[in-house]
Amino acid sequence: MPAVQIPCPNCESRMSFVVSTGNGEEGIVRRRKCNSCGHRWYTFQEHEIPIPACYVTTSDKKPFLRKKEN
């Protein structure tokens, strides 16, 4: 996956880098620094929870539903 260039909230430059990365309660927290103006800020990335899918005998992929259909 290519790196995502987050624009600086101070000067809008896309020349920034990640200073540190950590796991928060709801996702990944990244501390970033702008190469142009030196501004530092945090970005948050939420964890994605995959939704299960069921494969029926006809090989059709259908979304998983907790309530059974008749």
N, C-alpha and C. Protein backbone atom coordinates (compact mmCIF):
# COMPACT_ATOMS: atom_id res chain seq x y z
N MET A 1 0.85 -1.17 0.00
CA MET A 1 0.00 0.00 0.00
C MET A 1 0.90 1.24 0.00
N PRO A 2 0.65 2.20 -0.89
CA PRO A 2 1.49 3.40 -0.94
C PRO A 2 1.26 4.29 0.27
N ALA A 3 2.28 5.07 0.61
CA ALA A 3 2.18 5.99 1.73
C ALA A 3 1.18 7.09 1.40
N VAL A 4 0.40 7.49 2.39
CA VAL A 4 -0.57 8.55 2.20
C VAL A 4 0.07 9.86 2.66
N GLN A 5 0.09 10.84 1.79
CA GLN A 5 0.65 12.14 2.14
C GLN A 5 -0.46 13.01 2.71
N ILE A 6 -0.42 13.22 4.01
CA ILE A 6 -1.40 14.03 4.71
C ILE A 6 -0.96 15.49 4.65
N PRO A 7 -1.80 16.41 4.17
CA PRO A 7 -1.39 17.82 4.13
C PRO A 7 -1.29 18.41 5.54
N CYS A 8 -0.32 19.29 5.70
CA CYS A 8 -0.13 19.98 6.98
C CYS A 8 -1.33 20.89 7.25
N PRO A 9 -1.93 20.84 8.44
CA PRO A 9 -3.06 21.72 8.73
C PRO A 9 -2.64 23.19 8.87
N ASN A 10 -1.35 23.44 9.00
CA ASN A 10 -0.84 24.80 9.17
C ASN A 10 -0.53 25.47 7.83
N CYS A 11 0.23 24.77 6.96
CA CYS A 11 0.68 25.39 5.70
C CYS A 11 0.23 24.64 4.45
N GLU A 12 -0.51 23.53 4.60
CA GLU A 12 -1.03 22.72 3.49
C GLU A 12 0.05 21.99 2.68
N SER A 13 1.30 22.00 3.12
CA SER A 13 2.36 21.28 2.44
C SER A 13 2.13 19.78 2.59
N ARG A 14 2.44 19.01 1.57
CA ARG A 14 2.31 17.55 1.63
C ARG A 14 3.64 16.89 1.99
N MET A 15 4.62 17.67 2.36
CA MET A 15 5.93 17.15 2.75
C MET A 15 5.97 16.98 4.26
N SER A 16 5.39 15.90 4.75
CA SER A 16 5.37 15.61 6.18
C SER A 16 5.82 14.18 6.41
N PHE A 17 6.15 13.86 7.65
CA PHE A 17 6.57 12.49 7.97
C PHE A 17 6.04 12.11 9.34
N VAL A 18 6.02 10.80 9.59
CA VAL A 18 5.52 10.26 10.86
C VAL A 18 6.66 10.24 11.86
N VAL A 19 6.45 10.91 13.01
CA VAL A 19 7.45 10.95 14.08
C VAL A 19 7.33 9.71 14.95
N SER A 20 6.08 9.35 15.31
CA SER A 20 5.86 8.17 16.15
C SER A 20 4.48 7.59 15.85
N THR A 21 4.33 6.30 16.15
CA THR A 21 3.08 5.59 15.93
C THR A 21 2.76 4.79 17.18
N GLY A 22 1.49 4.78 17.56
CA GLY A 22 1.07 4.00 18.72
C GLY A 22 -0.35 3.50 18.55
N ASN A 23 -0.72 2.54 19.38
CA ASN A 23 -2.08 2.00 19.35
C ASN A 23 -2.91 2.67 20.42
N GLY A 24 -4.03 3.26 20.02
CA GLY A 24 -4.97 3.84 20.95
C GLY A 24 -6.11 2.87 21.19
N GLU A 25 -7.10 3.29 21.96
CA GLU A 25 -8.23 2.42 22.26
C GLU A 25 -9.05 2.09 21.01
N GLU A 26 -9.16 3.05 20.11
CA GLU A 26 -10.03 2.84 18.95
C GLU A 26 -9.27 2.79 17.63
N GLY A 27 -7.94 2.69 17.68
CA GLY A 27 -7.21 2.62 16.43
C GLY A 27 -5.75 3.01 16.59
N ILE A 28 -5.15 3.44 15.48
CA ILE A 28 -3.74 3.79 15.45
C ILE A 28 -3.61 5.31 15.53
N VAL A 29 -2.70 5.77 16.39
CA VAL A 29 -2.43 7.20 16.56
C VAL A 29 -1.05 7.48 15.98
N ARG A 30 -0.98 8.47 15.09
CA ARG A 30 0.32 8.83 14.50
C ARG A 30 0.62 10.29 14.79
N ARG A 31 1.84 10.55 15.22
CA ARG A 31 2.34 11.91 15.45
C ARG A 31 3.09 12.29 14.19
N ARG A 32 2.72 13.40 13.56
CA ARG A 32 3.34 13.82 12.30
C ARG A 32 4.01 15.17 12.44
N LYS A 33 4.99 15.42 11.56
CA LYS A 33 5.70 16.69 11.55
C LYS A 33 5.86 17.15 10.10
N CYS A 34 5.62 18.44 9.87
CA CYS A 34 5.74 19.03 8.54
C CYS A 34 7.20 19.39 8.27
N ASN A 35 7.71 19.01 7.10
CA ASN A 35 9.08 19.36 6.72
C ASN A 35 9.20 20.84 6.37
N SER A 36 8.12 21.46 5.93
CA SER A 36 8.16 22.85 5.49
C SER A 36 8.15 23.85 6.65
N CYS A 37 7.17 23.70 7.55
CA CYS A 37 7.02 24.71 8.62
C CYS A 37 7.34 24.17 10.01
N GLY A 38 7.53 22.85 10.17
CA GLY A 38 7.87 22.27 11.46
C GLY A 38 6.67 22.01 12.37
N HIS A 39 5.46 22.30 11.89
CA HIS A 39 4.25 22.09 12.69
C HIS A 39 4.08 20.59 12.98
N ARG A 40 3.63 20.25 14.20
CA ARG A 40 3.38 18.86 14.59
C ARG A 40 1.90 18.68 14.89
N TRP A 41 1.36 17.52 14.51
CA TRP A 41 -0.03 17.22 14.77
C TRP A 41 -0.23 15.71 14.81
N TYR A 42 -1.42 15.30 15.28
CA TYR A 42 -1.77 13.88 15.38
C TYR A 42 -2.77 13.51 14.29
N THR A 43 -2.67 12.28 13.80
CA THR A 43 -3.72 11.71 12.96
C THR A 43 -4.17 10.41 13.60
N PHE A 44 -5.43 10.07 13.40
CA PHE A 44 -6.02 8.87 13.99
C PHE A 44 -6.57 7.99 12.89
N GLN A 45 -6.29 6.71 12.97
CA GLN A 45 -6.78 5.74 12.00
C GLN A 45 -7.58 4.70 12.76
N GLU A 46 -8.87 4.59 12.43
CA GLU A 46 -9.74 3.64 13.12
C GLU A 46 -9.53 2.23 12.59
N HIS A 47 -9.71 1.25 13.47
CA HIS A 47 -9.65 -0.15 13.06
C HIS A 47 -10.90 -0.47 12.26
N GLU A 48 -10.73 -1.23 11.20
CA GLU A 48 -11.87 -1.69 10.42
C GLU A 48 -12.22 -3.10 10.85
N ILE A 49 -13.49 -3.32 11.11
CA ILE A 49 -13.95 -4.65 11.50
C ILE A 49 -14.59 -5.29 10.27
N PRO A 50 -14.00 -6.36 9.77
CA PRO A 50 -14.57 -6.99 8.58
C PRO A 50 -15.93 -7.61 8.88
N ILE A 51 -16.85 -7.48 7.93
CA ILE A 51 -18.17 -8.07 8.07
C ILE A 51 -18.13 -9.45 7.45
N PRO A 52 -18.50 -10.48 8.21
CA PRO A 52 -18.44 -11.84 7.66
C PRO A 52 -19.42 -12.03 6.51
N ALA A 53 -19.06 -12.91 5.61
CA ALA A 53 -19.94 -13.27 4.50
C ALA A 53 -20.15 -14.78 4.52
N CYS A 54 -21.28 -15.20 4.02
CA CYS A 54 -21.61 -16.63 3.96
C CYS A 54 -21.64 -17.06 2.51
N TYR A 55 -21.12 -18.24 2.26
CA TYR A 55 -21.18 -18.83 0.92
C TYR A 55 -22.21 -19.95 0.96
N VAL A 56 -23.24 -19.82 0.16
CA VAL A 56 -24.28 -20.84 0.13
C VAL A 56 -23.92 -21.89 -0.91
N THR A 57 -24.71 -22.93 -1.00
CA THR A 57 -24.37 -24.06 -1.88
C THR A 57 -24.27 -23.67 -3.36
N THR A 58 -24.86 -22.56 -3.75
CA THR A 58 -24.78 -22.12 -5.15
C THR A 58 -23.54 -21.27 -5.41
N SER A 59 -22.67 -21.15 -4.42
CA SER A 59 -21.43 -20.37 -4.50
C SER A 59 -21.67 -18.86 -4.57
N ASP A 60 -22.89 -18.44 -4.28
CA ASP A 60 -23.17 -17.01 -4.22
C ASP A 60 -22.69 -16.46 -2.88
N LYS A 61 -22.08 -15.30 -2.91
CA LYS A 61 -21.62 -14.67 -1.68
C LYS A 61 -22.74 -13.78 -1.15
N LYS A 62 -23.15 -14.00 0.08
CA LYS A 62 -24.22 -13.22 0.69
C LYS A 62 -23.74 -12.66 2.02
N PRO A 63 -24.19 -11.46 2.40
CA PRO A 63 -23.78 -10.90 3.70
C PRO A 63 -24.32 -11.74 4.85
N PHE A 64 -23.56 -11.78 5.93
CA PHE A 64 -23.96 -12.52 7.11
C PHE A 64 -25.05 -11.74 7.84
N LEU A 65 -26.15 -12.39 8.15
CA LEU A 65 -27.24 -11.78 8.91
C LEU A 65 -27.48 -12.62 10.15
N ARG A 66 -27.49 -11.98 11.32
CA ARG A 66 -27.70 -12.72 12.57
C ARG A 66 -29.09 -13.35 12.60
N LYS A 67 -30.09 -12.61 12.08
CA LYS A 67 -31.45 -13.12 12.06
C LYS A 67 -31.62 -13.99 10.83
N LYS A 68 -32.04 -15.21 11.03
CA LYS A 68 -32.18 -16.16 9.93
C LYS A 68 -33.37 -15.77 9.05
N GLU A 69 -33.13 -15.83 7.73
CA GLU A 69 -34.21 -15.56 6.78
C GLU A 69 -34.96 -16.85 6.51
N ASN A 70 -36.26 -16.73 6.22
CA ASN A 70 -37.07 -17.91 5.90
C ASN A 70 -36.99 -18.23 4.44
